[in-house]
Amino acid sequence: MKKKTASPHPPVVHHPGEDEIRDYAHHLYVQSGNLAGRDTDNWLEAEACLRSNIPKHRSHARLHHHLNPPGDAASIACAALDIKNLAT
């Protein structure tokens, strides 16, 4: 069996700009039915989604698995929704 070797280049981490985060957070706000009082949550989720390279059209599930601890019920549910959305 062949051993995997580490990539000579570290993964590229996307550092979204403020305008990009604002646009994504607004998308999440509209997606939630314009639910008020979630500004900070939308901002943090938008930032995390952009860093995880989750495009807006794949952001159907709120609080994606990258925001929840592994094995947590919300994490499992979101992962299932993300898989379902990938199939569509």
N, C-alpha and C. Protein backbone atom coordinates (compact mmCIF):
# COMPACT_ATOMS: atom_id res chain seq x y z
N MET A 1 0.84 -1.17 0.00
CA MET A 1 0.00 0.00 0.00
C MET A 1 0.89 1.24 0.00
N LYS A 2 0.53 2.19 -0.84
CA LYS A 2 1.31 3.40 -1.00
C LYS A 2 0.93 4.42 0.06
N LYS A 3 1.93 5.03 0.69
CA LYS A 3 1.69 6.05 1.69
C LYS A 3 1.45 7.40 1.03
N LYS A 4 0.49 8.15 1.56
CA LYS A 4 0.25 9.49 1.06
C LYS A 4 1.31 10.41 1.63
N THR A 5 1.84 11.26 0.77
CA THR A 5 2.82 12.24 1.23
C THR A 5 2.15 13.60 1.31
N ALA A 6 2.68 14.42 2.17
CA ALA A 6 2.13 15.77 2.33
C ALA A 6 2.36 16.57 1.06
N SER A 7 1.40 17.39 0.73
CA SER A 7 1.52 18.25 -0.43
C SER A 7 2.63 19.26 -0.20
N PRO A 8 3.45 19.52 -1.23
CA PRO A 8 4.53 20.49 -1.03
C PRO A 8 4.01 21.91 -0.86
N HIS A 9 2.75 22.14 -1.25
CA HIS A 9 2.16 23.47 -1.13
C HIS A 9 1.03 23.43 -0.11
N PRO A 10 1.05 24.36 0.86
CA PRO A 10 -0.06 24.39 1.83
C PRO A 10 -1.35 24.79 1.14
N PRO A 11 -2.51 24.37 1.68
CA PRO A 11 -3.78 24.75 1.05
C PRO A 11 -3.95 26.27 1.06
N VAL A 12 -4.58 26.77 0.02
CA VAL A 12 -4.83 28.20 -0.08
C VAL A 12 -6.07 28.53 0.74
N VAL A 13 -5.92 29.43 1.68
CA VAL A 13 -7.04 29.85 2.53
C VAL A 13 -7.58 31.16 1.98
N HIS A 14 -8.88 31.17 1.73
CA HIS A 14 -9.53 32.37 1.21
C HIS A 14 -9.81 33.32 2.37
N HIS A 15 -9.33 34.55 2.25
CA HIS A 15 -9.60 35.57 3.25
C HIS A 15 -10.55 36.59 2.62
N PRO A 16 -11.86 36.40 2.85
CA PRO A 16 -12.84 37.27 2.19
C PRO A 16 -12.74 38.71 2.67
N GLY A 17 -13.01 39.62 1.76
CA GLY A 17 -13.05 41.04 2.10
C GLY A 17 -14.38 41.42 2.72
N GLU A 18 -14.42 42.60 3.29
CA GLU A 18 -15.62 43.08 3.97
C GLU A 18 -16.82 43.15 3.03
N ASP A 19 -16.62 43.63 1.80
CA ASP A 19 -17.74 43.72 0.84
C ASP A 19 -18.28 42.34 0.48
N GLU A 20 -17.38 41.38 0.32
CA GLU A 20 -17.78 40.01 -0.01
C GLU A 20 -18.58 39.39 1.14
N ILE A 21 -18.12 39.61 2.37
CA ILE A 21 -18.84 39.09 3.55
C ILE A 21 -20.20 39.76 3.68
N ARG A 22 -20.23 41.07 3.48
CA ARG A 22 -21.49 41.82 3.58
C ARG A 22 -22.51 41.29 2.57
N ASP A 23 -22.06 41.06 1.33
CA ASP A 23 -22.95 40.56 0.29
C ASP A 23 -23.49 39.18 0.66
N TYR A 24 -22.61 38.29 1.15
CA TYR A 24 -23.03 36.94 1.52
C TYR A 24 -23.97 36.99 2.72
N ALA A 25 -23.65 37.85 3.72
CA ALA A 25 -24.50 37.97 4.91
C ALA A 25 -25.89 38.48 4.52
N HIS A 26 -25.95 39.40 3.56
CA HIS A 26 -27.24 39.89 3.09
C HIS A 26 -28.01 38.76 2.42
N HIS A 27 -27.31 37.93 1.65
CA HIS A 27 -27.94 36.76 1.02
C HIS A 27 -28.55 35.86 2.10
N LEU A 28 -27.81 35.62 3.20
CA LEU A 28 -28.33 34.78 4.27
C LEU A 28 -29.53 35.43 4.95
N TYR A 29 -29.49 36.74 5.10
CA TYR A 29 -30.60 37.49 5.69
C TYR A 29 -31.87 37.32 4.85
N VAL A 30 -31.73 37.50 3.54
CA VAL A 30 -32.87 37.35 2.63
C VAL A 30 -33.35 35.90 2.64
N GLN A 31 -32.40 34.96 2.64
CA GLN A 31 -32.74 33.54 2.64
C GLN A 31 -33.53 33.15 3.88
N SER A 32 -33.28 33.84 5.00
CA SER A 32 -33.98 33.50 6.25
C SER A 32 -35.34 34.18 6.33
N GLY A 33 -35.76 34.87 5.27
CA GLY A 33 -37.05 35.56 5.28
C GLY A 33 -36.96 36.92 5.94
N ASN A 34 -35.78 37.55 5.83
CA ASN A 34 -35.53 38.89 6.39
C ASN A 34 -35.71 38.92 7.91
N LEU A 35 -35.31 37.84 8.55
CA LEU A 35 -35.42 37.71 10.00
C LEU A 35 -34.47 38.69 10.68
N ALA A 36 -35.03 39.63 11.44
CA ALA A 36 -34.24 40.66 12.11
C ALA A 36 -33.52 40.09 13.34
N GLY A 37 -32.46 40.78 13.74
CA GLY A 37 -31.75 40.41 14.96
C GLY A 37 -30.67 39.36 14.79
N ARG A 38 -30.39 38.96 13.55
CA ARG A 38 -29.38 37.93 13.31
C ARG A 38 -28.18 38.49 12.55
N ASP A 39 -27.96 39.80 12.65
CA ASP A 39 -26.89 40.44 11.90
C ASP A 39 -25.54 39.79 12.16
N THR A 40 -25.19 39.65 13.43
CA THR A 40 -23.89 39.08 13.79
C THR A 40 -23.82 37.62 13.36
N ASP A 41 -24.90 36.87 13.58
CA ASP A 41 -24.91 35.46 13.17
C ASP A 41 -24.73 35.33 11.66
N ASN A 42 -25.45 36.16 10.90
CA ASN A 42 -25.33 36.12 9.44
C ASN A 42 -23.92 36.49 9.01
N TRP A 43 -23.33 37.49 9.63
CA TRP A 43 -21.98 37.93 9.29
C TRP A 43 -20.97 36.80 9.54
N LEU A 44 -21.05 36.20 10.75
CA LEU A 44 -20.10 35.13 11.09
C LEU A 44 -20.29 33.91 10.21
N GLU A 45 -21.54 33.58 9.92
CA GLU A 45 -21.79 32.44 9.04
C GLU A 45 -21.29 32.72 7.64
N ALA A 46 -21.53 33.94 7.15
CA ALA A 46 -21.06 34.31 5.82
C ALA A 46 -19.54 34.21 5.74
N GLU A 47 -18.87 34.70 6.76
CA GLU A 47 -17.40 34.64 6.80
C GLU A 47 -16.91 33.19 6.79
N ALA A 48 -17.55 32.34 7.61
CA ALA A 48 -17.16 30.93 7.68
C ALA A 48 -17.45 30.22 6.36
N CYS A 49 -18.59 30.51 5.74
CA CYS A 49 -18.94 29.88 4.47
C CYS A 49 -17.93 30.27 3.39
N LEU A 50 -17.58 31.54 3.34
CA LEU A 50 -16.63 31.99 2.33
C LEU A 50 -15.26 31.35 2.55
N ARG A 51 -14.82 31.26 3.79
CA ARG A 51 -13.53 30.62 4.09
C ARG A 51 -13.56 29.13 3.77
N SER A 52 -14.74 28.52 3.86
CA SER A 52 -14.89 27.09 3.55
C SER A 52 -15.24 26.87 2.08
N ASN A 53 -15.25 27.96 1.31
CA ASN A 53 -15.55 27.89 -0.13
C ASN A 53 -16.94 27.32 -0.42
N ILE A 54 -17.92 27.68 0.42
CA ILE A 54 -19.31 27.27 0.19
C ILE A 54 -19.98 28.40 -0.58
N PRO A 55 -20.31 28.17 -1.85
CA PRO A 55 -20.94 29.23 -2.64
C PRO A 55 -22.35 29.54 -2.12
N LYS A 56 -22.81 30.75 -2.42
CA LYS A 56 -24.13 31.17 -1.94
C LYS A 56 -25.24 30.22 -2.36
N HIS A 57 -25.18 29.70 -3.57
CA HIS A 57 -26.27 28.83 -4.03
C HIS A 57 -26.28 27.49 -3.29
N ARG A 58 -25.25 27.19 -2.49
CA ARG A 58 -25.22 25.96 -1.69
C ARG A 58 -25.47 26.24 -0.22
N SER A 59 -25.88 27.45 0.12
CA SER A 59 -26.03 27.82 1.53
C SER A 59 -27.46 27.62 2.02
N HIS A 60 -28.13 26.59 1.56
CA HIS A 60 -29.52 26.36 1.94
C HIS A 60 -29.69 26.03 3.42
N ALA A 61 -28.76 25.29 4.00
CA ALA A 61 -28.88 24.91 5.40
C ALA A 61 -28.24 25.98 6.28
N ARG A 62 -28.97 26.44 7.28
CA ARG A 62 -28.43 27.42 8.21
C ARG A 62 -27.46 26.72 9.16
N LEU A 63 -26.50 27.44 9.64
CA LEU A 63 -25.49 26.91 10.56
C LEU A 63 -24.89 25.61 10.03
N HIS A 64 -24.11 25.73 9.01
CA HIS A 64 -23.46 24.59 8.37
C HIS A 64 -22.58 23.81 9.35
N HIS A 65 -22.22 22.62 8.94
CA HIS A 65 -21.43 21.73 9.78
C HIS A 65 -20.10 22.35 10.21
N HIS A 66 -19.56 23.30 9.46
CA HIS A 66 -18.29 23.89 9.86
C HIS A 66 -18.43 24.84 11.04
N LEU A 67 -19.66 25.13 11.46
CA LEU A 67 -19.90 26.00 12.61
C LEU A 67 -20.28 25.22 13.86
N ASN A 68 -20.51 23.92 13.74
CA ASN A 68 -20.96 23.11 14.86
C ASN A 68 -19.92 22.05 15.19
N PRO A 69 -19.82 21.65 16.46
CA PRO A 69 -18.87 20.60 16.82
C PRO A 69 -19.26 19.28 16.16
N PRO A 70 -18.28 18.45 15.75
CA PRO A 70 -18.60 17.16 15.13
C PRO A 70 -19.47 16.31 16.05
N GLY A 71 -20.45 15.63 15.46
CA GLY A 71 -21.31 14.74 16.23
C GLY A 71 -22.50 15.43 16.87
N ASP A 72 -22.52 16.74 16.86
CA ASP A 72 -23.64 17.50 17.41
C ASP A 72 -24.85 17.31 16.49
N ALA A 73 -26.05 17.29 17.03
CA ALA A 73 -27.26 17.00 16.25
C ALA A 73 -27.43 17.96 15.08
N ALA A 74 -27.16 19.24 15.31
CA ALA A 74 -27.29 20.22 14.22
C ALA A 74 -26.26 19.96 13.14
N SER A 75 -25.07 19.55 13.55
CA SER A 75 -24.01 19.24 12.59
C SER A 75 -24.42 18.08 11.69
N ILE A 76 -24.98 17.04 12.29
CA ILE A 76 -25.40 15.86 11.53
C ILE A 76 -26.54 16.23 10.58
N ALA A 77 -27.51 17.00 11.07
CA ALA A 77 -28.64 17.40 10.24
C ALA A 77 -28.18 18.27 9.08
N CYS A 78 -27.29 19.23 9.35
CA CYS A 78 -26.80 20.11 8.29
C CYS A 78 -25.98 19.34 7.27
N ALA A 79 -25.17 18.41 7.73
CA ALA A 79 -24.39 17.60 6.80
C ALA A 79 -25.31 16.81 5.89
N ALA A 80 -26.40 16.27 6.44
CA ALA A 80 -27.37 15.53 5.62
C ALA A 80 -28.02 16.46 4.61
N LEU A 81 -28.38 17.68 5.02
CA LEU A 81 -28.97 18.63 4.10
C LEU A 81 -27.98 19.05 3.03
N ASP A 82 -26.71 19.26 3.42
CA ASP A 82 -25.69 19.64 2.44
C ASP A 82 -25.53 18.54 1.40
N ILE A 83 -25.54 17.28 1.82
CA ILE A 83 -25.42 16.16 0.88
C ILE A 83 -26.64 16.14 -0.04
N LYS A 84 -27.83 16.32 0.53
CA LYS A 84 -29.05 16.33 -0.26
C LYS A 84 -29.00 17.47 -1.29
N ASN A 85 -28.54 18.65 -0.87
CA ASN A 85 -28.47 19.80 -1.78
C ASN A 85 -27.44 19.59 -2.88
N LEU A 86 -26.37 18.87 -2.60
CA LEU A 86 -25.37 18.59 -3.62
C LEU A 86 -25.94 17.72 -4.73
N ALA A 87 -26.91 16.88 -4.37
CA ALA A 87 -27.52 15.98 -5.34
C ALA A 87 -28.49 16.71 -6.28
N THR A 88 -28.91 17.91 -5.87
CA THR A 88 -29.89 18.65 -6.71
C THR A 88 -29.21 19.67 -7.58
